[in-house]
Amino acid sequence: MFAIAGAVSAASLAADEVTPDPDTVTPGVVGFIVTFLIAVVTVLLVIDMVRRVRRVNYRAQVQQELAAEVAARDDAGPDAAAPGAGDSRAAGDSRAGGEGGPAGSGRAPK
């Protein structure tokens, strides 16, 4: 027990004698490079996150528009004009980015 306490006190005395001057200690080139790389990675992650959030918002907006079109077509009844008769898109061609079911299946994108 006394040996451990003696070793700890000796180590603390040695640490006090070797303490460098805080005004002359710098991280150096390696520290600058590491800090710069962390900043670059952070900026790239933020850019990627913004792009992904915009994509999700755009897909949600397109799904809402498609749901509104389907609801309007269903409310018009079976005697309404055929799909694409006043609209430049057919029912299956209104998908965003080619997602969803097969063309003409009437399935909304997921």
PDB file of N, CA and C in Angstrom:
ATOM      1  N   MET A   1       0.817  -1.191   0.000  1.00  0.00           N
ATOM      2  CA  MET A   1       0.000   0.000   0.000  1.00  0.00           C
ATOM      3  C   MET A   1       0.862   1.257   0.000  1.00  0.00           C
ATOM      4  N   PHE A   2       1.911   1.226   0.878  1.00  0.00           N
ATOM      5  CA  PHE A   2       2.795   2.385   0.957  1.00  0.00           C
ATOM      6  C   PHE A   2       3.636   2.525  -0.309  1.00  0.00           C
ATOM      7  N   ALA A   3       3.892   1.432  -0.983  1.00  0.00           N
ATOM      8  CA  ALA A   3       4.685   1.477  -2.210  1.00  0.00           C
ATOM      9  C   ALA A   3       3.904   2.178  -3.318  1.00  0.00           C
ATOM     10  N   ILE A   4       2.609   1.912  -3.378  1.00  0.00           N
ATOM     11  CA  ILE A   4       1.769   2.561  -4.401  1.00  0.00           C
ATOM     12  C   ILE A   4       1.663   4.048  -4.124  1.00  0.00           C
ATOM     13  N   ALA A   5       1.458   4.427  -2.864  1.00  0.00           N
ATOM     14  CA  ALA A   5       1.351   5.844  -2.505  1.00  0.00           C
ATOM     15  C   ALA A   5       2.658   6.559  -2.781  1.00  0.00           C
ATOM     16  N   GLY A   6       3.775   5.901  -2.527  1.00  0.00           N
ATOM     17  CA  GLY A   6       5.079   6.503  -2.792  1.00  0.00           C
ATOM     18  C   GLY A   6       5.307   6.689  -4.283  1.00  0.00           C
ATOM     19  N   ALA A   7       4.878   5.715  -5.084  1.00  0.00           N
ATOM     20  CA  ALA A   7       5.049   5.812  -6.535  1.00  0.00           C
ATOM     21  C   ALA A   7       4.182   6.919  -7.113  1.00  0.00           C
ATOM     22  N   VAL A   8       2.959   7.051  -6.591  1.00  0.00           N
ATOM     23  CA  VAL A   8       2.064   8.101  -7.074  1.00  0.00           C
ATOM     24  C   VAL A   8       2.616   9.472  -6.717  1.00  0.00           C
ATOM     25  N   SER A   9       3.124   9.638  -5.512  1.00  0.00           N
ATOM     26  CA  SER A   9       3.663  10.949  -5.117  1.00  0.00           C
ATOM     27  C   SER A   9       4.936  11.268  -5.883  1.00  0.00           C
ATOM     28  N   ALA A  10       5.748  10.263  -6.166  1.00  0.00           N
ATOM     29  CA  ALA A  10       6.963  10.488  -6.943  1.00  0.00           C
ATOM     30  C   ALA A  10       6.616  10.875  -8.378  1.00  0.00           C
ATOM     31  N   ALA A  11       5.582  10.248  -8.933  1.00  0.00           N
ATOM     32  CA  ALA A  11       5.172  10.567 -10.299  1.00  0.00           C
ATOM     33  C   ALA A  11       4.603  11.974 -10.370  1.00  0.00           C
ATOM     34  N   SER A  12       3.863  12.390  -9.353  1.00  0.00           N
ATOM     35  CA  SER A  12       3.308  13.739  -9.373  1.00  0.00           C
ATOM     36  C   SER A  12       4.397  14.788  -9.214  1.00  0.00           C
ATOM     37  N   LEU A  13       5.441  14.506  -8.425  1.00  0.00           N
ATOM     38  CA  LEU A  13       6.561  15.442  -8.288  1.00  0.00           C
ATOM     39  C   LEU A  13       7.331  15.539  -9.595  1.00  0.00           C
ATOM     40  N   ALA A  14       7.516  14.396 -10.277  1.00  0.00           N
ATOM     41  CA  ALA A  14       8.232  14.404 -11.549  1.00  0.00           C
ATOM     42  C   ALA A  14       7.430  15.146 -12.604  1.00  0.00           C
ATOM     43  N   ALA A  15       6.105  15.035 -12.570  1.00  0.00           N
ATOM     44  CA  ALA A  15       5.267  15.725 -13.546  1.00  0.00           C
ATOM     45  C   ALA A  15       5.327  17.228 -13.342  1.00  0.00           C
ATOM     46  N   ASP A  16       5.448  17.687 -12.094  1.00  0.00           N
ATOM     47  CA  ASP A  16       5.538  19.116 -11.836  1.00  0.00           C
ATOM     48  C   ASP A  16       6.841  19.707 -12.358  1.00  0.00           C
ATOM     49  N   GLU A  17       7.910  18.940 -12.326  1.00  0.00           N
ATOM     50  CA  GLU A  17       9.206  19.438 -12.767  1.00  0.00           C
ATOM     51  C   GLU A  17       9.310  19.495 -14.290  1.00  0.00           C
ATOM     52  N   VAL A  18       8.578  18.672 -15.017  1.00  0.00           N
ATOM     53  CA  VAL A  18       8.712  18.565 -16.463  1.00  0.00           C
ATOM     54  C   VAL A  18       7.649  19.371 -17.190  1.00  0.00           C
ATOM     55  N   THR A  19       6.780  20.063 -16.514  1.00  0.00           N
ATOM     56  CA  THR A  19       5.703  20.806 -17.152  1.00  0.00           C
ATOM     57  C   THR A  19       6.282  21.894 -18.057  1.00  0.00           C
ATOM     58  N   PRO A  20       5.946  21.836 -19.347  1.00  0.00           N
ATOM     59  CA  PRO A  20       6.488  22.853 -20.267  1.00  0.00           C
ATOM     60  C   PRO A  20       5.745  24.183 -20.112  1.00  0.00           C
ATOM     61  N   ASP A  21       6.350  25.209 -20.675  1.00  0.00           N
ATOM     62  CA  ASP A  21       5.749  26.543 -20.636  1.00  0.00           C
ATOM     63  C   ASP A  21       4.522  26.550 -21.544  1.00  0.00           C
ATOM     64  N   PRO A  22       3.329  26.898 -21.027  1.00  0.00           N
ATOM     65  CA  PRO A  22       2.116  26.867 -21.855  1.00  0.00           C
ATOM     66  C   PRO A  22       2.130  27.871 -23.002  1.00  0.00           C
ATOM     67  N   ASP A  23       2.990  28.884 -22.941  1.00  0.00           N
ATOM     68  CA  ASP A  23       3.048  29.875 -24.030  1.00  0.00           C
ATOM     69  C   ASP A  23       3.831  29.367 -25.230  1.00  0.00           C
ATOM     70  N   THR A  24       4.695  28.380 -25.023  1.00  0.00           N
ATOM     71  CA  THR A  24       5.517  27.900 -26.129  1.00  0.00           C
ATOM     72  C   THR A  24       5.022  26.578 -26.708  1.00  0.00           C
ATOM     73  N   VAL A  25       4.031  25.956 -26.096  1.00  0.00           N
ATOM     74  CA  VAL A  25       3.523  24.673 -26.568  1.00  0.00           C
ATOM     75  C   VAL A  25       2.432  24.926 -27.608  1.00  0.00           C
ATOM     76  N   THR A  26       2.563  24.336 -28.776  1.00  0.00           N
ATOM     77  CA  THR A  26       1.569  24.468 -29.855  1.00  0.00           C
ATOM     78  C   THR A  26       1.253  23.074 -30.389  1.00  0.00           C
ATOM     79  N   PRO A  27       0.109  22.922 -31.020  1.00  0.00           N
ATOM     80  CA  PRO A  27      -0.215  21.615 -31.589  1.00  0.00           C
ATOM     81  C   PRO A  27       0.633  21.273 -32.805  1.00  0.00           C
ATOM     82  N   GLY A  28       1.197  22.254 -33.438  1.00  0.00           N
ATOM     83  CA  GLY A  28       2.062  21.999 -34.578  1.00  0.00           C
ATOM     84  C   GLY A  28       1.292  21.741 -35.861  1.00  0.00           C
ATOM     85  N   VAL A  29       2.011  21.274 -36.846  1.00  0.00           N
ATOM     86  CA  VAL A  29       1.446  21.026 -38.170  1.00  0.00           C
ATOM     87  C   VAL A  29       0.437  19.878 -38.118  1.00  0.00           C
ATOM     88  N   VAL A  30       0.740  18.849 -37.353  1.00  0.00           N
ATOM     89  CA  VAL A  30      -0.148  17.696 -37.269  1.00  0.00           C
ATOM     90  C   VAL A  30      -1.489  18.119 -36.669  1.00  0.00           C
ATOM     91  N   GLY A  31      -1.460  18.915 -35.630  1.00  0.00           N
ATOM     92  CA  GLY A  31      -2.696  19.391 -35.023  1.00  0.00           C
ATOM     93  C   GLY A  31      -3.508  20.239 -35.982  1.00  0.00           C
ATOM     94  N   PHE A  32      -2.832  21.087 -36.761  1.00  0.00           N
ATOM     95  CA  PHE A  32      -3.543  21.901 -37.744  1.00  0.00           C
ATOM     96  C   PHE A  32      -4.191  21.025 -38.803  1.00  0.00           C
ATOM     97  N   ILE A  33      -3.466  20.037 -39.285  1.00  0.00           N
ATOM     98  CA  ILE A  33      -4.003  19.162 -40.336  1.00  0.00           C
ATOM     99  C   ILE A  33      -5.210  18.387 -39.826  1.00  0.00           C
ATOM    100  N   VAL A  34      -5.128  17.851 -38.608  1.00  0.00           N
ATOM    101  CA  VAL A  34      -6.242  17.090 -38.054  1.00  0.00           C
ATOM    102  C   VAL A  34      -7.464  17.992 -37.884  1.00  0.00           C
ATOM    103  N   THR A  35      -7.264  19.204 -37.357  1.00  0.00           N
ATOM    104  CA  THR A  35      -8.375  20.137 -37.175  1.00  0.00           C
ATOM    105  C   THR A  35      -8.982  20.520 -38.521  1.00  0.00           C
ATOM    106  N   PHE A  36      -8.161  20.760 -39.514  1.00  0.00           N
ATOM    107  CA  PHE A  36      -8.647  21.120 -40.845  1.00  0.00           C
ATOM    108  C   PHE A  36      -9.452  19.971 -41.461  1.00  0.00           C
ATOM    109  N   LEU A  37      -8.964  18.748 -41.333  1.00  0.00           N
ATOM    110  CA  LEU A  37      -9.687  17.602 -41.887  1.00  0.00           C
ATOM    111  C   LEU A  37     -11.036  17.400 -41.194  1.00  0.00           C
ATOM    112  N   ILE A  38     -11.087  17.591 -39.885  1.00  0.00           N
ATOM    113  CA  ILE A  38     -12.361  17.471 -39.172  1.00  0.00           C
ATOM    114  C   ILE A  38     -13.338  18.532 -39.661  1.00  0.00           C
ATOM    115  N   ALA A  39     -12.852  19.760 -39.896  1.00  0.00           N
ATOM    116  CA  ALA A  39     -13.724  20.825 -40.398  1.00  0.00           C
ATOM    117  C   ALA A  39     -14.237  20.496 -41.800  1.00  0.00           C
ATOM    118  N   VAL A  40     -13.375  19.982 -42.661  1.00  0.00           N
ATOM    119  CA  VAL A  40     -13.779  19.636 -44.033  1.00  0.00           C
ATOM    120  C   VAL A  40     -14.816  18.515 -44.020  1.00  0.00           C
ATOM    121  N   VAL A  41     -14.599  17.498 -43.211  1.00  0.00           N
ATOM    122  CA  VAL A  41     -15.549  16.386 -43.123  1.00  0.00           C
ATOM    123  C   VAL A  41     -16.896  16.883 -42.603  1.00  0.00           C
ATOM    124  N   THR A  42     -16.870  17.784 -41.624  1.00  0.00           N
ATOM    125  CA  THR A  42     -18.114  18.331 -41.085  1.00  0.00           C
ATOM    126  C   THR A  42     -18.883  19.099 -42.152  1.00  0.00           C
ATOM    127  N   VAL A  43     -18.201  19.921 -42.925  1.00  0.00           N
ATOM    128  CA  VAL A  43     -18.867  20.685 -43.984  1.00  0.00           C
ATOM    129  C   VAL A  43     -19.459  19.736 -45.026  1.00  0.00           C
ATOM    130  N   LEU A  44     -18.730  18.713 -45.405  1.00  0.00           N
ATOM    131  CA  LEU A  44     -19.247  17.765 -46.397  1.00  0.00           C
ATOM    132  C   LEU A  44     -20.461  17.008 -45.864  1.00  0.00           C
ATOM    133  N   LEU A  45     -20.447  16.647 -44.591  1.00  0.00           N
ATOM    134  CA  LEU A  45     -21.608  15.971 -44.008  1.00  0.00           C
ATOM    135  C   LEU A  45     -22.832  16.884 -43.972  1.00  0.00           C
ATOM    136  N   VAL A  46     -22.635  18.153 -43.675  1.00  0.00           N
ATOM    137  CA  VAL A  46     -23.760  19.095 -43.652  1.00  0.00           C
ATOM    138  C   VAL A  46     -24.335  19.260 -45.049  1.00  0.00           C
ATOM    139  N   ILE A  47     -23.484  19.374 -46.047  1.00  0.00           N
ATOM    140  CA  ILE A  47     -23.955  19.508 -47.432  1.00  0.00           C
ATOM    141  C   ILE A  47     -24.753  18.271 -47.837  1.00  0.00           C
ATOM    142  N   ASP A  48     -24.252  17.082 -47.506  1.00  0.00           N
ATOM    143  CA  ASP A  48     -24.960  15.854 -47.843  1.00  0.00           C
ATOM    144  C   ASP A  48     -26.298  15.767 -47.120  1.00  0.00           C
ATOM    145  N   MET A  49     -26.330  16.177 -45.855  1.00  0.00           N
ATOM    146  CA  MET A  49     -27.575  16.134 -45.092  1.00  0.00           C
ATOM    147  C   MET A  49     -28.616  17.075 -45.693  1.00  0.00           C
ATOM    148  N   VAL A  50     -28.200  18.282 -46.082  1.00  0.00           N
ATOM    149  CA  VAL A  50     -29.138  19.232 -46.682  1.00  0.00           C
ATOM    150  C   VAL A  50     -29.700  18.665 -47.982  1.00  0.00           C
ATOM    151  N   ARG A  51     -28.840  18.039 -48.777  1.00  0.00           N
ATOM    152  CA  ARG A  51     -29.304  17.447 -50.036  1.00  0.00           C
ATOM    153  C   ARG A  51     -30.335  16.338 -49.790  1.00  0.00           C
ATOM    154  N   ARG A  52     -30.079  15.500 -48.799  1.00  0.00           N
ATOM    155  CA  ARG A  52     -31.005  14.406 -48.504  1.00  0.00           C
ATOM    156  C   ARG A  52     -32.332  14.918 -47.944  1.00  0.00           C
ATOM    157  N   VAL A  53     -32.289  15.952 -47.106  1.00  0.00           N
ATOM    158  CA  VAL A  53     -33.525  16.513 -46.556  1.00  0.00           C
ATOM    159  C   VAL A  53     -34.352  17.141 -47.672  1.00  0.00           C
ATOM    160  N   ARG A  54     -33.701  17.851 -48.596  1.00  0.00           N
ATOM    161  CA  ARG A  54     -34.431  18.431 -49.726  1.00  0.00           C
ATOM    162  C   ARG A  54     -35.098  17.337 -50.560  1.00  0.00           C
ATOM    163  N   ARG A  55     -34.376  16.235 -50.784  1.00  0.00           N
ATOM    164  CA  ARG A  55     -34.925  15.133 -51.578  1.00  0.00           C
ATOM    165  C   ARG A  55     -36.152  14.539 -50.894  1.00  0.00           C
ATOM    166  N   VAL A  56     -36.092  14.352 -49.584  1.00  0.00           N
ATOM    167  CA  VAL A  56     -37.229  13.796 -48.849  1.00  0.00           C
ATOM    168  C   VAL A  56     -38.412  14.747 -48.918  1.00  0.00           C
ATOM    169  N   ASN A  57     -38.169  16.042 -48.733  1.00  0.00           N
ATOM    170  CA  ASN A  57     -39.253  17.023 -48.808  1.00  0.00           C
ATOM    171  C   ASN A  57     -39.878  17.060 -50.196  1.00  0.00           C
ATOM    172  N   TYR A  58     -39.045  16.977 -51.236  1.00  0.00           N
ATOM    173  CA  TYR A  58     -39.568  16.995 -52.602  1.00  0.00           C
ATOM    174  C   TYR A  58     -40.429  15.760 -52.873  1.00  0.00           C
ATOM    175  N   ARG A  59     -39.968  14.594 -52.414  1.00  0.00           N
ATOM    176  CA  ARG A  59     -40.757  13.376 -52.627  1.00  0.00           C
ATOM    177  C   ARG A  59     -42.086  13.439 -51.896  1.00  0.00           C
ATOM    178  N   ALA A  60     -42.099  13.997 -50.688  1.00  0.00           N
ATOM    179  CA  ALA A  60     -43.352  14.132 -49.940  1.00  0.00           C
ATOM    180  C   ALA A  60     -44.301  15.085 -50.666  1.00  0.00           C
ATOM    181  N   GLN A  61     -43.756  16.157 -51.224  1.00  0.00           N
ATOM    182  CA  GLN A  61     -44.588  17.111 -51.963  1.00  0.00           C
ATOM    183  C   GLN A  61     -45.192  16.456 -53.205  1.00  0.00           C
ATOM    184  N   VAL A  62     -44.398  15.671 -53.913  1.00  0.00           N
ATOM    185  CA  VAL A  62     -44.893  14.995 -55.113  1.00  0.00           C
ATOM    186  C   VAL A  62     -45.970  13.980 -54.730  1.00  0.00           C
ATOM    187  N   GLN A  63     -45.772  13.258 -53.633  1.00  0.00           N
ATOM    188  CA  GLN A  63     -46.782  12.294 -53.200  1.00  0.00           C
ATOM    189  C   GLN A  63     -48.090  12.984 -52.832  1.00  0.00           C
ATOM    190  N   GLN A  64     -48.004  14.160 -52.197  1.00  0.00           N
ATOM    191  CA  GLN A  64     -49.216  14.908 -51.858  1.00  0.00           C
ATOM    192  C   GLN A  64     -49.936  15.364 -53.126  1.00  0.00           C
ATOM    193  N   GLU A  65     -49.176  15.838 -54.099  1.00  0.00           N
ATOM    194  CA  GLU A  65     -49.788  16.276 -55.354  1.00  0.00           C
ATOM    195  C   GLU A  65     -50.454  15.107 -56.076  1.00  0.00           C
ATOM    196  N   LEU A  66     -49.791  13.950 -56.083  1.00  0.00           N
ATOM    197  CA  LEU A  66     -50.387  12.781 -56.733  1.00  0.00           C
ATOM    198  C   LEU A  66     -51.652  12.333 -56.009  1.00  0.00           C
ATOM    199  N   ALA A  67     -51.625  12.371 -54.683  1.00  0.00           N
ATOM    200  CA  ALA A  67     -52.809  11.993 -53.914  1.00  0.00           C
ATOM    201  C   ALA A  67     -53.959  12.961 -54.186  1.00  0.00           C
ATOM    202  N   ALA A  68     -53.644  14.250 -54.329  1.00  0.00           N
ATOM    203  CA  ALA A  68     -54.676  15.239 -54.633  1.00  0.00           C
ATOM    204  C   ALA A  68     -55.252  15.008 -56.029  1.00  0.00           C
ATOM    205  N   GLU A  69     -54.382  14.651 -56.989  1.00  0.00           N
ATOM    206  CA  GLU A  69     -54.865  14.372 -58.343  1.00  0.00           C
ATOM    207  C   GLU A  69     -55.767  13.138 -58.359  1.00  0.00           C
ATOM    208  N   VAL A  70     -55.379  12.102 -57.637  1.00  0.00           N
ATOM    209  CA  VAL A  70     -56.183  10.881 -57.588  1.00  0.00           C
ATOM    210  C   VAL A  70     -57.519  11.174 -56.917  1.00  0.00           C
ATOM    211  N   ALA A  71     -57.505  11.951 -55.829  1.00  0.00           N
ATOM    212  CA  ALA A  71     -58.746  12.290 -55.132  1.00  0.00           C
ATOM    213  C   ALA A  71     -59.651  13.124 -56.035  1.00  0.00           C
ATOM    214  N   ALA A  72     -59.067  14.052 -56.792  1.00  0.00           N
ATOM    215  CA  ALA A  72     -59.875  14.877 -57.693  1.00  0.00           C
ATOM    216  C   ALA A  72     -60.461  14.017 -58.816  1.00  0.00           C
ATOM    217  N   ARG A  73     -59.671  13.069 -59.312  1.00  0.00           N
ATOM    218  CA  ARG A  73     -60.159  12.196 -60.378  1.00  0.00           C
ATOM    219  C   ARG A  73     -61.256  11.272 -59.850  1.00  0.00           C
ATOM    220  N   ASP A  74     -61.098  10.764 -58.632  1.00  0.00           N
ATOM    221  CA  ASP A  74     -62.110   9.889 -58.043  1.00  0.00           C
ATOM    222  C   ASP A  74     -63.393  10.660 -57.736  1.00  0.00           C
ATOM    223  N   ASP A  75     -63.271  11.917 -57.321  1.00  0.00           N
ATOM    224  CA  ASP A  75     -64.443  12.745 -57.032  1.00  0.00           C
ATOM    225  C   ASP A  75     -65.207  13.098 -58.305  1.00  0.00           C
ATOM    226  N   ALA A  76     -64.500  13.156 -59.443  1.00  0.00           N
ATOM    227  CA  ALA A  76     -65.140  13.524 -60.700  1.00  0.00           C
ATOM    228  C   ALA A  76     -66.057  12.402 -61.196  1.00  0.00           C
ATOM    229  N   GLY A  77     -65.797  11.180 -60.769  1.00  0.00           N
ATOM    230  CA  GLY A  77     -66.672  10.073 -61.141  1.00  0.00           C
ATOM    231  C   GLY A  77     -66.199   9.342 -62.372  1.00  0.00           C
ATOM    232  N   PRO A  78     -66.879   8.248 -62.716  1.00  0.00           N
ATOM    233  CA  PRO A  78     -66.454   7.430 -63.847  1.00  0.00           C
ATOM    234  C   PRO A  78     -66.755   8.073 -65.203  1.00  0.00           C
ATOM    235  N   ASP A  79     -67.651   9.056 -65.248  1.00  0.00           N
ATOM    236  CA  ASP A  79     -67.979   9.691 -66.517  1.00  0.00           C
ATOM    237  C   ASP A  79     -67.004  10.801 -66.879  1.00  0.00           C
ATOM    238  N   ALA A  80     -66.007  11.040 -66.085  1.00  0.00           N
ATOM    239  CA  ALA A  80     -65.024  12.099 -66.355  1.00  0.00           C
ATOM    240  C   ALA A  80     -64.188  11.712 -67.571  1.00  0.00           C
ATOM    241  N   ALA A  81     -63.494  12.670 -68.087  1.00  0.00           N
ATOM    242  CA  ALA A  81     -62.658  12.432 -69.267  1.00  0.00           C
ATOM    243  C   ALA A  81     -61.581  11.411 -68.930  1.00  0.00           C
ATOM    244  N   ALA A  82     -61.120  10.726 -69.946  1.00  0.00           N
ATOM    245  CA  ALA A  82     -60.096   9.708 -69.774  1.00  0.00           C
ATOM    246  C   ALA A  82     -58.815  10.344 -69.253  1.00  0.00           C
ATOM    247  N   PRO A  83     -58.007   9.578 -68.527  1.00  0.00           N
ATOM    248  CA  PRO A  83     -56.746  10.131 -68.028  1.00  0.00           C
ATOM    249  C   PRO A  83     -55.899  10.626 -69.189  1.00  0.00           C
ATOM    250  N   GLY A  84     -55.356  11.778 -69.034  1.00  0.00           N
ATOM    251  CA  GLY A  84     -54.507  12.361 -70.055  1.00  0.00           C
ATOM    252  C   GLY A  84     -55.263  13.195 -71.055  1.00  0.00           C
ATOM    253  N   ALA A  85     -56.602  13.297 -70.940  1.00  0.00           N
ATOM    254  CA  ALA A  85     -57.370  14.084 -71.890  1.00  0.00           C
ATOM    255  C   ALA A  85     -57.283  15.560 -71.534  1.00  0.00           C
ATOM    256  N   GLY A  86     -56.694  16.286 -71.179  1.00  0.00           N
ATOM    257  CA  GLY A  86     -56.572  17.659 -70.761  1.00  0.00           C
ATOM    258  C   GLY A  86     -55.294  17.817 -69.990  1.00  0.00           C
ATOM    259  N   ASP A  87     -54.638  16.688 -69.809  1.00  0.00           N
ATOM    260  CA  ASP A  87     -53.389  16.707 -69.072  1.00  0.00           C
ATOM    261  C   ASP A  87     -52.342  16.068 -69.974  1.00  0.00           C
ATOM    262  N   SER A  88     -51.146  16.569 -69.920  1.00  0.00           N
ATOM    263  CA  SER A  88     -50.110  16.044 -70.802  1.00  0.00           C
ATOM    264  C   SER A  88     -49.524  14.742 -70.283  1.00  0.00           C
ATOM    265  N   ARG A  89     -49.921  14.347 -69.051  1.00  0.00           N
ATOM    266  CA  ARG A  89     -49.388  13.106 -68.481  1.00  0.00           C
ATOM    267  C   ARG A  89     -50.488  12.065 -68.394  1.00  0.00           C
ATOM    268  N   ALA A  90     -50.111  10.823 -68.644  1.00  0.00           N
ATOM    269  CA  ALA A  90     -51.050   9.723 -68.428  1.00  0.00           C
ATOM    270  C   ALA A  90     -50.998   9.348 -66.962  1.00  0.00           C
ATOM    271  N   ALA A  91     -51.928   8.531 -66.506  1.00  0.00           N
ATOM    272  CA  ALA A  91     -52.029   8.194 -65.083  1.00  0.00           C
ATOM    273  C   ALA A  91     -50.750   7.538 -64.578  1.00  0.00           C
ATOM    274  N   GLY A  92     -50.133   6.672 -65.334  1.00  0.00           N
ATOM    275  CA  GLY A  92     -48.933   5.988 -64.884  1.00  0.00           C
ATOM    276  C   GLY A  92     -47.665   6.785 -65.082  1.00  0.00           C
ATOM    277  N   ASP A  93     -47.706   7.879 -65.822  1.00  0.00           N
ATOM    278  CA  ASP A  93     -46.509   8.648 -66.122  1.00  0.00           C
ATOM    279  C   ASP A  93     -46.275   9.775 -65.136  1.00  0.00           C
ATOM    280  N   SER A  94     -47.087   9.907 -64.115  1.00  0.00           N
ATOM    281  CA  SER A  94     -46.955  11.041 -63.208  1.00  0.00           C
ATOM    282  C   SER A  94     -46.000  10.763 -62.059  1.00  0.00           C
ATOM    283  N   ARG A  95     -45.267   9.643 -62.130  1.00  0.00           N
ATOM    284  CA  ARG A  95     -44.329   9.314 -61.059  1.00  0.00           C
ATOM    285  C   ARG A  95     -43.117  10.228 -61.142  1.00  0.00           C
ATOM    286  N   ALA A  96     -42.556  10.552 -59.971  1.00  0.00           N
ATOM    287  CA  ALA A  96     -41.349  11.364 -59.912  1.00  0.00           C
ATOM    288  C   ALA A  96     -40.134  10.459 -59.904  1.00  0.00           C
ATOM    289  N   GLY A  97     -39.194  10.699 -60.784  1.00  0.00           N
ATOM    290  CA  GLY A  97     -37.952   9.963 -60.793  1.00  0.00           C
ATOM    291  C   GLY A  97     -38.074   8.514 -61.202  1.00  0.00           C
ATOM    292  N   GLY A  98     -39.135   8.114 -61.825  1.00  0.00           N
ATOM    293  CA  GLY A  98     -39.291   6.747 -62.293  1.00  0.00           C
ATOM    294  C   GLY A  98     -39.566   5.758 -61.186  1.00  0.00           C
ATOM    295  N   GLU A  99     -40.026   6.219 -60.028  1.00  0.00           N
ATOM    296  CA  GLU A  99     -40.290   5.307 -58.919  1.00  0.00           C
ATOM    297  C   GLU A  99     -41.751   4.931 -58.904  1.00  0.00           C
ATOM    298  N   GLY A 100     -42.077   3.945 -58.094  1.00  0.00           N
ATOM    299  CA  GLY A 100     -43.457   3.512 -57.971  1.00  0.00           C
ATOM    300  C   GLY A 100     -43.676   2.225 -58.728  1.00  0.00           C
ATOM    301  N   GLY A 101     -44.930   1.953 -59.049  1.00  0.00           N
ATOM    302  CA  GLY A 101     -45.279   0.714 -59.726  1.00  0.00           C
ATOM    303  C   GLY A 101     -45.023   0.795 -61.210  1.00  0.00           C
ATOM    304  N   PRO A 102     -45.362  -0.277 -61.909  1.00  0.00           N
ATOM    305  CA  PRO A 102     -45.174  -0.285 -63.359  1.00  0.00           C
ATOM    306  C   PRO A 102     -46.050   0.780 -64.024  1.00  0.00           C
ATOM    307  N   ALA A 103     -45.615   1.255 -65.165  1.00  0.00           N
ATOM    308  CA  ALA A 103     -46.350   2.300 -65.868  1.00  0.00           C
ATOM    309  C   ALA A 103     -47.773   1.862 -66.155  1.00  0.00           C
ATOM    310  N   GLY A 104     -48.725   2.693 -65.825  1.00  0.00           N
ATOM    311  CA  GLY A 104     -50.116   2.404 -66.095  1.00  0.00           C
ATOM    312  C   GLY A 104     -50.775   1.555 -65.033  1.00  0.00           C
ATOM    313  N   SER A 105     -50.055   1.188 -63.970  1.00  0.00           N
ATOM    314  CA  SER A 105     -50.646   0.327 -62.938  1.00  0.00           C
ATOM    315  C   SER A 105     -51.495   1.126 -61.967  1.00  0.00           C
ATOM    316  N   GLY A 106     -51.299   2.441 -61.918  1.00  0.00           N
ATOM    317  CA  GLY A 106     -52.085   3.282 -61.028  1.00  0.00           C
ATOM    318  C   GLY A 106     -51.583   3.247 -59.592  1.00  0.00           C
ATOM    319  N   ARG A 107     -50.462   2.561 -59.351  1.00  0.00           N
ATOM    320  CA  ARG A 107     -49.927   2.509 -58.001  1.00  0.00           C
ATOM    321  C   ARG A 107     -49.119   3.757 -57.708  1.00  0.00           C
ATOM    322  N   ALA A 108     -49.316   4.303 -56.531  1.00  0.00           N
ATOM    323  CA  ALA A 108     -48.572   5.511 -56.142  1.00  0.00           C
ATOM    324  C   ALA A 108     -47.174   5.109 -55.686  1.00  0.00           C
ATOM    325  N   PRO A 109     -46.197   6.010 -55.833  1.00  0.00           N
ATOM    326  CA  PRO A 109     -44.833   5.689 -55.386  1.00  0.00           C
ATOM    327  C   PRO A 109     -44.795   5.552 -53.875  1.00  0.00           C
ATOM    328  N   LYS A 110     -43.863   4.747 -53.395  1.00  0.00           N
ATOM    329  CA  LYS A 110     -43.747   4.514 -51.947  1.00  0.00           C
ATOM    330  C   LYS A 110     -42.949   5.597 -51.299  1.00  0.00           C
TER     331      LYS A 110
END
